[in-house]
Amino acid sequence: MDAELQLGASVFEDQCIDCHKSGGASAPMALYSSVHAPDPTNVLVSVLDGIRPPRGALERSMPGRDRQINDEEMVALLKFIRARYSKEPAWEGLEKTVAAVRG
């Protein structure tokens, strides 16, 4: 595994693993259509802002990680998520996408 994927795996371990773990009850990331989509923006926004189900819904929420993950770590995390949970080709231009979404 290259250094950037290792960084992404480390960020995933530090920030995401409690809910997105293998084995046991977890959020099955490989089933999320956004992980397989040609554009990483939905995954990125979900990580930055979190996910809040509608009031009264039984779905799980996810806290945002905007302040916990810097741009370099976010790019590495997105690369790791795509490589680990999808058979689709790597997302291109992640640095620009992260910069644009973070504005």
PDB file of N, CA and C in Angstrom:
ATOM      1  N   MET A   1       0.860  -1.180   0.000  1.00  0.00           N
ATOM      2  CA  MET A   1       0.000   0.000   0.000  1.00  0.00           C
ATOM      3  C   MET A   1       0.903   1.239   0.000  1.00  0.00           C
ATOM      4  N   ASP A   2       0.593   2.198  -0.880  1.00  0.00           N
ATOM      5  CA  ASP A   2       1.432   3.393  -0.946  1.00  0.00           C
ATOM      6  C   ASP A   2       1.181   4.302   0.267  1.00  0.00           C
ATOM      7  N   ALA A   3       2.046   5.292   0.438  1.00  0.00           N
ATOM      8  CA  ALA A   3       2.010   6.157   1.627  1.00  0.00           C
ATOM      9  C   ALA A   3       0.689   6.914   1.754  1.00  0.00           C
ATOM     10  N   GLU A   4       0.135   7.361   0.638  1.00  0.00           N
ATOM     11  CA  GLU A   4      -1.117   8.117   0.714  1.00  0.00           C
ATOM     12  C   GLU A   4      -2.285   7.221   1.141  1.00  0.00           C
ATOM     13  N   LEU A   5      -2.328   5.994   0.626  1.00  0.00           N
ATOM     14  CA  LEU A   5      -3.359   5.062   1.058  1.00  0.00           C
ATOM     15  C   LEU A   5      -3.165   4.675   2.524  1.00  0.00           C
ATOM     16  N   GLN A   6      -1.926   4.582   2.966  1.00  0.00           N
ATOM     17  CA  GLN A   6      -1.658   4.305   4.384  1.00  0.00           C
ATOM     18  C   GLN A   6      -2.158   5.454   5.262  1.00  0.00           C
ATOM     19  N   LEU A   7      -1.932   6.689   4.816  1.00  0.00           N
ATOM     20  CA  LEU A   7      -2.449   7.841   5.548  1.00  0.00           C
ATOM     21  C   LEU A   7      -3.971   7.785   5.583  1.00  0.00           C
ATOM     22  N   GLY A   8      -4.605   7.487   4.455  1.00  0.00           N
ATOM     23  CA  GLY A   8      -6.058   7.372   4.406  1.00  0.00           C
ATOM     24  C   GLY A   8      -6.573   6.292   5.336  1.00  0.00           C
ATOM     25  N   ALA A   9      -5.887   5.162   5.372  1.00  0.00           N
ATOM     26  CA  ALA A   9      -6.272   4.076   6.272  1.00  0.00           C
ATOM     27  C   ALA A   9      -6.133   4.517   7.727  1.00  0.00           C
ATOM     28  N   SER A  10      -5.096   5.264   8.023  1.00  0.00           N
ATOM     29  CA  SER A  10      -4.887   5.770   9.379  1.00  0.00           C
ATOM     30  C   SER A  10      -5.986   6.758   9.785  1.00  0.00           C
ATOM     31  N   VAL A  11      -6.354   7.656   8.880  1.00  0.00           N
ATOM     32  CA  VAL A  11      -7.433   8.607   9.148  1.00  0.00           C
ATOM     33  C   VAL A  11      -8.738   7.842   9.348  1.00  0.00           C
ATOM     34  N   PHE A  12      -8.986   6.842   8.502  1.00  0.00           N
ATOM     35  CA  PHE A  12     -10.187   6.021   8.635  1.00  0.00           C
ATOM     36  C   PHE A  12     -10.212   5.347  10.007  1.00  0.00           C
ATOM     37  N   GLU A  13      -9.091   4.800  10.409  1.00  0.00           N
ATOM     38  CA  GLU A  13      -8.974   4.135  11.711  1.00  0.00           C
ATOM     39  C   GLU A  13      -9.244   5.116  12.855  1.00  0.00           C
ATOM     40  N   ASP A  14      -8.710   6.314  12.749  1.00  0.00           N
ATOM     41  CA  ASP A  14      -8.868   7.313  13.813  1.00  0.00           C
ATOM     42  C   ASP A  14     -10.257   7.940  13.851  1.00  0.00           C
ATOM     43  N   GLN A  15     -10.864   8.180  12.694  1.00  0.00           N
ATOM     44  CA  GLN A  15     -12.072   8.986  12.619  1.00  0.00           C
ATOM     45  C   GLN A  15     -13.350   8.204  12.296  1.00  0.00           C
ATOM     46  N   CYS A  16     -13.237   7.044  11.657  1.00  0.00           N
ATOM     47  CA  CYS A  16     -14.413   6.397  11.070  1.00  0.00           C
ATOM     48  C   CYS A  16     -14.691   4.986  11.574  1.00  0.00           C
ATOM     49  N   ILE A  17     -13.688   4.327  12.091  1.00  0.00           N
ATOM     50  CA  ILE A  17     -13.779   2.898  12.343  1.00  0.00           C
ATOM     51  C   ILE A  17     -14.829   2.525  13.383  1.00  0.00           C
ATOM     52  N   ASP A  18     -15.125   3.403  14.321  1.00  0.00           N
ATOM     53  CA  ASP A  18     -16.100   3.048  15.350  1.00  0.00           C
ATOM     54  C   ASP A  18     -17.441   2.661  14.746  1.00  0.00           C
ATOM     55  N   CYS A  19     -17.838   3.304  13.680  1.00  0.00           N
ATOM     56  CA  CYS A  19     -19.116   2.989  13.026  1.00  0.00           C
ATOM     57  C   CYS A  19     -18.944   2.149  11.764  1.00  0.00           C
ATOM     58  N   HIS A  20     -17.846   2.339  11.061  1.00  0.00           N
ATOM     59  CA  HIS A  20     -17.632   1.660   9.777  1.00  0.00           C
ATOM     60  C   HIS A  20     -16.594   0.557   9.932  1.00  0.00           C
ATOM     61  N   LYS A  21     -16.826  -0.354  10.867  1.00  0.00           N
ATOM     62  CA  LYS A  21     -15.870  -1.426  11.123  1.00  0.00           C
ATOM     63  C   LYS A  21     -16.264  -2.688  10.364  1.00  0.00           C
ATOM     64  N   SER A  22     -15.312  -3.575  10.214  1.00  0.00           N
ATOM     65  CA  SER A  22     -15.624  -4.867   9.602  1.00  0.00           C
ATOM     66  C   SER A  22     -15.989  -5.829  10.717  1.00  0.00           C
ATOM     67  N   GLY A  23     -17.005  -6.626  10.487  1.00  0.00           N
ATOM     68  CA  GLY A  23     -17.487  -7.536  11.514  1.00  0.00           C
ATOM     69  C   GLY A  23     -18.409  -6.803  12.477  1.00  0.00           C
ATOM     70  N   GLY A  24     -19.384  -7.484  12.994  1.00  0.00           N
ATOM     71  CA  GLY A  24     -20.306  -6.846  13.920  1.00  0.00           C
ATOM     72  C   GLY A  24     -21.207  -5.855  13.210  1.00  0.00           C
ATOM     73  N   ALA A  25     -21.968  -5.112  13.981  1.00  0.00           N
ATOM     74  CA  ALA A  25     -22.871  -4.107  13.422  1.00  0.00           C
ATOM     75  C   ALA A  25     -22.063  -2.928  12.915  1.00  0.00           C
ATOM     76  N   SER A  26     -22.226  -2.596  11.675  1.00  0.00           N
ATOM     77  CA  SER A  26     -21.504  -1.461  11.104  1.00  0.00           C
ATOM     78  C   SER A  26     -22.301  -0.884   9.950  1.00  0.00           C
ATOM     79  N   ALA A  27     -21.914   0.304   9.552  1.00  0.00           N
ATOM     80  CA  ALA A  27     -22.507   0.928   8.371  1.00  0.00           C
ATOM     81  C   ALA A  27     -21.776   0.357   7.148  1.00  0.00           C
ATOM     82  N   PRO A  28     -22.465  -0.360   6.270  1.00  0.00           N
ATOM     83  CA  PRO A  28     -21.823  -1.071   5.153  1.00  0.00           C
ATOM     84  C   PRO A  28     -21.440  -0.138   4.005  1.00  0.00           C
ATOM     85  N   MET A  29     -20.267   0.456   4.074  1.00  0.00           N
ATOM     86  CA  MET A  29     -19.840   1.460   3.091  1.00  0.00           C
ATOM     87  C   MET A  29     -19.832   0.955   1.658  1.00  0.00           C
ATOM     88  N   ALA A  30     -19.554  -0.309   1.457  1.00  0.00           N
ATOM     89  CA  ALA A  30     -19.522  -0.840   0.094  1.00  0.00           C
ATOM     90  C   ALA A  30     -20.894  -0.800  -0.566  1.00  0.00           C
ATOM     91  N   LEU A  31     -21.952  -0.649   0.231  1.00  0.00           N
ATOM     92  CA  LEU A  31     -23.304  -0.589  -0.322  1.00  0.00           C
ATOM     93  C   LEU A  31     -23.749   0.834  -0.653  1.00  0.00           C
ATOM     94  N   TYR A  32     -22.990   1.827  -0.266  1.00  0.00           N
ATOM     95  CA  TYR A  32     -23.366   3.221  -0.535  1.00  0.00           C
ATOM     96  C   TYR A  32     -23.108   3.553  -2.003  1.00  0.00           C
ATOM     97  N   SER A  33     -24.120   4.020  -2.691  1.00  0.00           N
ATOM     98  CA  SER A  33     -23.956   4.350  -4.108  1.00  0.00           C
ATOM     99  C   SER A  33     -22.941   5.473  -4.301  1.00  0.00           C
ATOM    100  N   SER A  34     -22.818   6.373  -3.346  1.00  0.00           N
ATOM    101  CA  SER A  34     -21.880   7.496  -3.479  1.00  0.00           C
ATOM    102  C   SER A  34     -20.425   7.023  -3.525  1.00  0.00           C
ATOM    103  N   VAL A  35     -20.119   5.903  -2.901  1.00  0.00           N
ATOM    104  CA  VAL A  35     -18.754   5.364  -2.926  1.00  0.00           C
ATOM    105  C   VAL A  35     -18.402   4.863  -4.326  1.00  0.00           C
ATOM    106  N   HIS A  36     -19.408   4.472  -5.097  1.00  0.00           N
ATOM    107  CA  HIS A  36     -19.193   3.942  -6.447  1.00  0.00           C
ATOM    108  C   HIS A  36     -19.434   4.985  -7.540  1.00  0.00           C
ATOM    109  N   ALA A  37     -19.901   6.156  -7.162  1.00  0.00           N
ATOM    110  CA  ALA A  37     -20.239   7.206  -8.126  1.00  0.00           C
ATOM    111  C   ALA A  37     -18.982   7.766  -8.791  1.00  0.00           C
ATOM    112  N   PRO A  38     -19.127   8.333  -9.996  1.00  0.00           N
ATOM    113  CA  PRO A  38     -17.971   8.895 -10.692  1.00  0.00           C
ATOM    114  C   PRO A  38     -17.456  10.194 -10.062  1.00  0.00           C
ATOM    115  N   ASP A  39     -18.244  10.826  -9.222  1.00  0.00           N
ATOM    116  CA  ASP A  39     -17.868  12.097  -8.586  1.00  0.00           C
ATOM    117  C   ASP A  39     -17.809  11.895  -7.067  1.00  0.00           C
ATOM    118  N   PRO A  40     -16.714  12.290  -6.420  1.00  0.00           N
ATOM    119  CA  PRO A  40     -16.562  12.073  -4.982  1.00  0.00           C
ATOM    120  C   PRO A  40     -17.269  13.097  -4.089  1.00  0.00           C
ATOM    121  N   THR A  41     -17.942  14.066  -4.667  1.00  0.00           N
ATOM    122  CA  THR A  41     -18.472  15.184  -3.882  1.00  0.00           C
ATOM    123  C   THR A  41     -19.438  14.732  -2.791  1.00  0.00           C
ATOM    124  N   ASN A  42     -20.326  13.788  -3.069  1.00  0.00           N
ATOM    125  CA  ASN A  42     -21.281  13.362  -2.039  1.00  0.00           C
ATOM    126  C   ASN A  42     -20.584  12.712  -0.853  1.00  0.00           C
ATOM    127  N   VAL A  43     -19.582  11.895  -1.105  1.00  0.00           N
ATOM    128  CA  VAL A  43     -18.825  11.287  -0.008  1.00  0.00           C
ATOM    129  C   VAL A  43     -18.108  12.380   0.775  1.00  0.00           C
ATOM    130  N   LEU A  44     -17.482  13.293   0.072  1.00  0.00           N
ATOM    131  CA  LEU A  44     -16.752  14.383   0.708  1.00  0.00           C
ATOM    132  C   LEU A  44     -17.660  15.227   1.598  1.00  0.00           C
ATOM    133  N   VAL A  45     -18.797  15.639   1.079  1.00  0.00           N
ATOM    134  CA  VAL A  45     -19.730  16.467   1.851  1.00  0.00           C
ATOM    135  C   VAL A  45     -20.255  15.689   3.058  1.00  0.00           C
ATOM    136  N   SER A  46     -20.501  14.404   2.885  1.00  0.00           N
ATOM    137  CA  SER A  46     -20.967  13.579   4.006  1.00  0.00           C
ATOM    138  C   SER A  46     -19.923  13.519   5.117  1.00  0.00           C
ATOM    139  N   VAL A  47     -18.654  13.377   4.748  1.00  0.00           N
ATOM    140  CA  VAL A  47     -17.588  13.335   5.755  1.00  0.00           C
ATOM    141  C   VAL A  47     -17.443  14.700   6.422  1.00  0.00           C
ATOM    142  N   LEU A  48     -17.457  15.761   5.641  1.00  0.00           N
ATOM    143  CA  LEU A  48     -17.276  17.105   6.198  1.00  0.00           C
ATOM    144  C   LEU A  48     -18.442  17.536   7.086  1.00  0.00           C
ATOM    145  N   ASP A  49     -19.663  17.374   6.574  1.00  0.00           N
ATOM    146  CA  ASP A  49     -20.846  17.907   7.250  1.00  0.00           C
ATOM    147  C   ASP A  49     -21.584  16.890   8.106  1.00  0.00           C
ATOM    148  N   GLY A  50     -21.330  15.622   7.897  1.00  0.00           N
ATOM    149  CA  GLY A  50     -22.057  14.576   8.597  1.00  0.00           C
ATOM    150  C   GLY A  50     -23.385  14.289   7.925  1.00  0.00           C
ATOM    151  N   ILE A  51     -24.130  13.381   8.505  1.00  0.00           N
ATOM    152  CA  ILE A  51     -25.432  12.992   7.982  1.00  0.00           C
ATOM    153  C   ILE A  51     -26.429  13.049   9.122  1.00  0.00           C
ATOM    154  N   ARG A  52     -27.500  13.760   8.897  1.00  0.00           N
ATOM    155  CA  ARG A  52     -28.569  13.877   9.888  1.00  0.00           C
ATOM    156  C   ARG A  52     -29.860  13.361   9.262  1.00  0.00           C
ATOM    157  N   PRO A  53     -30.366  12.220   9.738  1.00  0.00           N
ATOM    158  CA  PRO A  53     -31.627  11.733   9.186  1.00  0.00           C
ATOM    159  C   PRO A  53     -32.772  12.667   9.580  1.00  0.00           C
ATOM    160  N   PRO A  54     -33.870  12.627   8.856  1.00  0.00           N
ATOM    161  CA  PRO A  54     -35.011  13.474   9.217  1.00  0.00           C
ATOM    162  C   PRO A  54     -35.469  13.180  10.646  1.00  0.00           C
ATOM    163  N   ARG A  55     -35.998  14.179  11.266  1.00  0.00           N
ATOM    164  CA  ARG A  55     -36.461  14.037  12.652  1.00  0.00           C
ATOM    165  C   ARG A  55     -37.460  12.877  12.754  1.00  0.00           C
ATOM    166  N   GLY A  56     -37.245  12.016  13.724  1.00  0.00           N
ATOM    167  CA  GLY A  56     -38.112  10.876  13.940  1.00  0.00           C
ATOM    168  C   GLY A  56     -37.739   9.636  13.139  1.00  0.00           C
ATOM    169  N   ALA A  57     -36.798   9.765  12.198  1.00  0.00           N
ATOM    170  CA  ALA A  57     -36.371   8.617  11.393  1.00  0.00           C
ATOM    171  C   ALA A  57     -35.461   7.720  12.227  1.00  0.00           C
ATOM    172  N   LEU A  58     -35.457   6.458  11.906  1.00  0.00           N
ATOM    173  CA  LEU A  58     -34.667   5.495  12.665  1.00  0.00           C
ATOM    174  C   LEU A  58     -33.245   5.328  12.130  1.00  0.00           C
ATOM    175  N   GLU A  59     -32.934   5.933  10.992  1.00  0.00           N
ATOM    176  CA  GLU A  59     -31.602   5.789  10.427  1.00  0.00           C
ATOM    177  C   GLU A  59     -30.546   6.379  11.360  1.00  0.00           C
ATOM    178  N   ARG A  60     -29.325   5.913  11.203  1.00  0.00           N
ATOM    179  CA  ARG A  60     -28.213   6.386  12.015  1.00  0.00           C
ATOM    180  C   ARG A  60     -27.723   7.737  11.511  1.00  0.00           C
ATOM    181  N   SER A  61     -27.222   8.527  12.418  1.00  0.00           N
ATOM    182  CA  SER A  61     -26.611   9.790  12.017  1.00  0.00           C
ATOM    183  C   SER A  61     -25.097   9.602  11.977  1.00  0.00           C
ATOM    184  N   MET A  62     -24.420  10.587  11.402  1.00  0.00           N
ATOM    185  CA  MET A  62     -22.969  10.558  11.336  1.00  0.00           C
ATOM    186  C   MET A  62     -22.469  11.958  11.645  1.00  0.00           C
ATOM    187  N   PRO A  63     -21.529  12.104  12.586  1.00  0.00           N
ATOM    188  CA  PRO A  63     -21.003  13.437  12.875  1.00  0.00           C
ATOM    189  C   PRO A  63     -20.101  13.928  11.751  1.00  0.00           C
ATOM    190  N   GLY A  64     -20.104  15.232  11.517  1.00  0.00           N
ATOM    191  CA  GLY A  64     -19.203  15.827  10.539  1.00  0.00           C
ATOM    192  C   GLY A  64     -17.779  15.846  11.061  1.00  0.00           C
ATOM    193  N   ARG A  65     -16.827  15.782  10.162  1.00  0.00           N
ATOM    194  CA  ARG A  65     -15.406  15.762  10.524  1.00  0.00           C
ATOM    195  C   ARG A  65     -14.628  16.918   9.912  1.00  0.00           C
ATOM    196  N   ASP A  66     -15.327  18.004   9.593  1.00  0.00           N
ATOM    197  CA  ASP A  66     -14.692  19.142   8.931  1.00  0.00           C
ATOM    198  C   ASP A  66     -13.477  19.651   9.697  1.00  0.00           C
ATOM    199  N   ARG A  67     -13.582  19.758  10.983  1.00  0.00           N
ATOM    200  CA  ARG A  67     -12.488  20.318  11.789  1.00  0.00           C
ATOM    201  C   ARG A  67     -11.455  19.283  12.201  1.00  0.00           C
ATOM    202  N   GLN A  68     -11.794  18.007  12.102  1.00  0.00           N
ATOM    203  CA  GLN A  68     -10.879  16.964  12.545  1.00  0.00           C
ATOM    204  C   GLN A  68      -9.930  16.478  11.445  1.00  0.00           C
ATOM    205  N   ILE A  69     -10.280  16.735  10.192  1.00  0.00           N
ATOM    206  CA  ILE A  69      -9.503  16.200   9.072  1.00  0.00           C
ATOM    207  C   ILE A  69      -9.075  17.339   8.156  1.00  0.00           C
ATOM    208  N   ASN A  70      -7.755  17.521   7.989  1.00  0.00           N
ATOM    209  CA  ASN A  70      -7.264  18.585   7.107  1.00  0.00           C
ATOM    210  C   ASN A  70      -7.356  18.135   5.645  1.00  0.00           C
ATOM    211  N   ASP A  71      -7.025  19.025   4.728  1.00  0.00           N
ATOM    212  CA  ASP A  71      -7.178  18.743   3.291  1.00  0.00           C
ATOM    213  C   ASP A  71      -6.355  17.540   2.834  1.00  0.00           C
ATOM    214  N   GLU A  72      -5.101  17.474   3.250  1.00  0.00           N
ATOM    215  CA  GLU A  72      -4.239  16.352   2.853  1.00  0.00           C
ATOM    216  C   GLU A  72      -4.810  15.033   3.356  1.00  0.00           C
ATOM    217  N   GLU A  73      -5.255  15.015   4.596  1.00  0.00           N
ATOM    218  CA  GLU A  73      -5.853  13.801   5.159  1.00  0.00           C
ATOM    219  C   GLU A  73      -7.160  13.444   4.463  1.00  0.00           C
ATOM    220  N   MET A  74      -7.941  14.463   4.096  1.00  0.00           N
ATOM    221  CA  MET A  74      -9.211  14.223   3.424  1.00  0.00           C
ATOM    222  C   MET A  74      -8.988  13.581   2.055  1.00  0.00           C
ATOM    223  N   VAL A  75      -8.032  14.076   1.301  1.00  0.00           N
ATOM    224  CA  VAL A  75      -7.704  13.486  -0.001  1.00  0.00           C
ATOM    225  C   VAL A  75      -7.297  12.028   0.190  1.00  0.00           C
ATOM    226  N   ALA A  76      -6.428  11.778   1.165  1.00  0.00           N
ATOM    227  CA  ALA A  76      -5.980  10.408   1.428  1.00  0.00           C
ATOM    228  C   ALA A  76      -7.141   9.527   1.877  1.00  0.00           C
ATOM    229  N   LEU A  77      -8.031  10.049   2.714  1.00  0.00           N
ATOM    230  CA  LEU A  77      -9.192   9.288   3.167  1.00  0.00           C
ATOM    231  C   LEU A  77     -10.100   8.924   2.003  1.00  0.00           C
ATOM    232  N   LEU A  78     -10.379   9.885   1.121  1.00  0.00           N
ATOM    233  CA  LEU A  78     -11.224   9.607  -0.041  1.00  0.00           C
ATOM    234  C   LEU A  78     -10.589   8.556  -0.947  1.00  0.00           C
ATOM    235  N   LYS A  79      -9.288   8.630  -1.136  1.00  0.00           N
ATOM    236  CA  LYS A  79      -8.600   7.624  -1.950  1.00  0.00           C
ATOM    237  C   LYS A  79      -8.709   6.249  -1.303  1.00  0.00           C
ATOM    238  N   PHE A  80      -8.547   6.198   0.016  1.00  0.00           N
ATOM    239  CA  PHE A  80      -8.660   4.929   0.730  1.00  0.00           C
ATOM    240  C   PHE A  80     -10.073   4.361   0.635  1.00  0.00           C
ATOM    241  N   ILE A  81     -11.076   5.186   0.881  1.00  0.00           N
ATOM    242  CA  ILE A  81     -12.466   4.723   0.816  1.00  0.00           C
ATOM    243  C   ILE A  81     -12.772   4.146  -0.566  1.00  0.00           C
ATOM    244  N   ARG A  82     -12.377   4.846  -1.596  1.00  0.00           N
ATOM    245  CA  ARG A  82     -12.638   4.389  -2.961  1.00  0.00           C
ATOM    246  C   ARG A  82     -11.917   3.065  -3.236  1.00  0.00           C
ATOM    247  N   ALA A  83     -10.657   2.961  -2.833  1.00  0.00           N
ATOM    248  CA  ALA A  83      -9.880   1.748  -3.083  1.00  0.00           C
ATOM    249  C   ALA A  83     -10.382   0.565  -2.256  1.00  0.00           C
ATOM    250  N   ARG A  84     -10.781   0.824  -1.025  1.00  0.00           N
ATOM    251  CA  ARG A  84     -11.181  -0.257  -0.108  1.00  0.00           C
ATOM    252  C   ARG A  84     -12.610  -0.732  -0.340  1.00  0.00           C
ATOM    253  N   TYR A  85     -13.514   0.162  -0.675  1.00  0.00           N
ATOM    254  CA  TYR A  85     -14.938  -0.182  -0.707  1.00  0.00           C
ATOM    255  C   TYR A  85     -15.561  -0.170  -2.105  1.00  0.00           C
ATOM    256  N   SER A  86     -14.764   0.008  -3.142  1.00  0.00           N
ATOM    257  CA  SER A  86     -15.299   0.035  -4.500  1.00  0.00           C
ATOM    258  C   SER A  86     -14.304  -0.612  -5.457  1.00  0.00           C
ATOM    259  N   LYS A  87     -14.832  -1.173  -6.514  1.00  0.00           N
ATOM    260  CA  LYS A  87     -13.981  -1.717  -7.571  1.00  0.00           C
ATOM    261  C   LYS A  87     -13.867  -0.730  -8.728  1.00  0.00           C
ATOM    262  N   GLU A  88     -14.444   0.445  -8.559  1.00  0.00           N
ATOM    263  CA  GLU A  88     -14.385   1.492  -9.582  1.00  0.00           C
ATOM    264  C   GLU A  88     -12.982   2.116  -9.599  1.00  0.00           C
ATOM    265  N   PRO A  89     -12.619   2.764 -10.716  1.00  0.00           N
ATOM    266  CA  PRO A  89     -11.301   3.419 -10.775  1.00  0.00           C
ATOM    267  C   PRO A  89     -11.199   4.565  -9.767  1.00  0.00           C
ATOM    268  N   ALA A  90      -9.993   4.906  -9.426  1.00  0.00           N
ATOM    269  CA  ALA A  90      -9.742   5.987  -8.463  1.00  0.00           C
ATOM    270  C   ALA A  90     -10.365   7.288  -8.941  1.00  0.00           C
ATOM    271  N   TRP A  91     -10.836   8.096  -7.996  1.00  0.00           N
ATOM    272  CA  TRP A  91     -11.327   9.428  -8.331  1.00  0.00           C
ATOM    273  C   TRP A  91     -10.144  10.302  -8.713  1.00  0.00           C
ATOM    274  N   GLU A  92     -10.304  11.102  -9.745  1.00  0.00           N
ATOM    275  CA  GLU A  92      -9.258  12.018 -10.213  1.00  0.00           C
ATOM    276  C   GLU A  92      -9.504  13.419  -9.642  1.00  0.00           C
ATOM    277  N   GLY A  93      -8.447  14.183  -9.472  1.00  0.00           N
ATOM    278  CA  GLY A  93      -8.559  15.588  -9.081  1.00  0.00           C
ATOM    279  C   GLY A  93      -9.113  15.824  -7.684  1.00  0.00           C
ATOM    280  N   LEU A  94      -8.803  14.925  -6.763  1.00  0.00           N
ATOM    281  CA  LEU A  94      -9.351  15.055  -5.411  1.00  0.00           C
ATOM    282  C   LEU A  94      -8.875  16.324  -4.693  1.00  0.00           C
ATOM    283  N   GLU A  95      -7.657  16.733  -4.946  1.00  0.00           N
ATOM    284  CA  GLU A  95      -7.147  17.938  -4.290  1.00  0.00           C
ATOM    285  C   GLU A  95      -8.001  19.145  -4.660  1.00  0.00           C
ATOM    286  N   LYS A  96      -8.333  19.285  -5.946  1.00  0.00           N
ATOM    287  CA  LYS A  96      -9.168  20.403  -6.409  1.00  0.00           C
ATOM    288  C   LYS A  96     -10.586  20.281  -5.866  1.00  0.00           C
ATOM    289  N   THR A  97     -11.126  19.071  -5.836  1.00  0.00           N
ATOM    290  CA  THR A  97     -12.485  18.878  -5.340  1.00  0.00           C
ATOM    291  C   THR A  97     -12.569  19.248  -3.866  1.00  0.00           C
ATOM    292  N   VAL A  98     -11.619  18.789  -3.064  1.00  0.00           N
ATOM    293  CA  VAL A  98     -11.617  19.112  -1.642  1.00  0.00           C
ATOM    294  C   VAL A  98     -11.492  20.626  -1.445  1.00  0.00           C
ATOM    295  N   ALA A  99     -10.584  21.259  -2.161  1.00  0.00           N
ATOM    296  CA  ALA A  99     -10.410  22.714  -2.046  1.00  0.00           C
ATOM    297  C   ALA A  99     -11.674  23.471  -2.450  1.00  0.00           C
ATOM    298  N   ALA A 100     -12.329  23.018  -3.509  1.00  0.00           N
ATOM    299  CA  ALA A 100     -13.541  23.699  -3.986  1.00  0.00           C
ATOM    300  C   ALA A 100     -14.688  23.541  -2.999  1.00  0.00           C
ATOM    301  N   VAL A 101     -14.868  22.352  -2.463  1.00  0.00           N
ATOM    302  CA  VAL A 101     -15.975  22.126  -1.529  1.00  0.00           C
ATOM    303  C   VAL A 101     -15.735  22.863  -0.214  1.00  0.00           C
ATOM    304  N   ARG A 102     -14.514  22.886   0.226  1.00  0.00           N
ATOM    305  CA  ARG A 102     -14.192  23.585   1.474  1.00  0.00           C
ATOM    306  C   ARG A 102     -14.191  25.100   1.274  1.00  0.00           C
ATOM    307  N   GLY A 103     -13.982  25.514   0.017  1.00  0.00           N
ATOM    308  CA  GLY A 103     -14.038  26.927  -0.354  1.00  0.00           C
ATOM    309  C   GLY A 103     -13.078  27.776   0.378  1.00  0.00           C
TER     310      GLY A 103
END
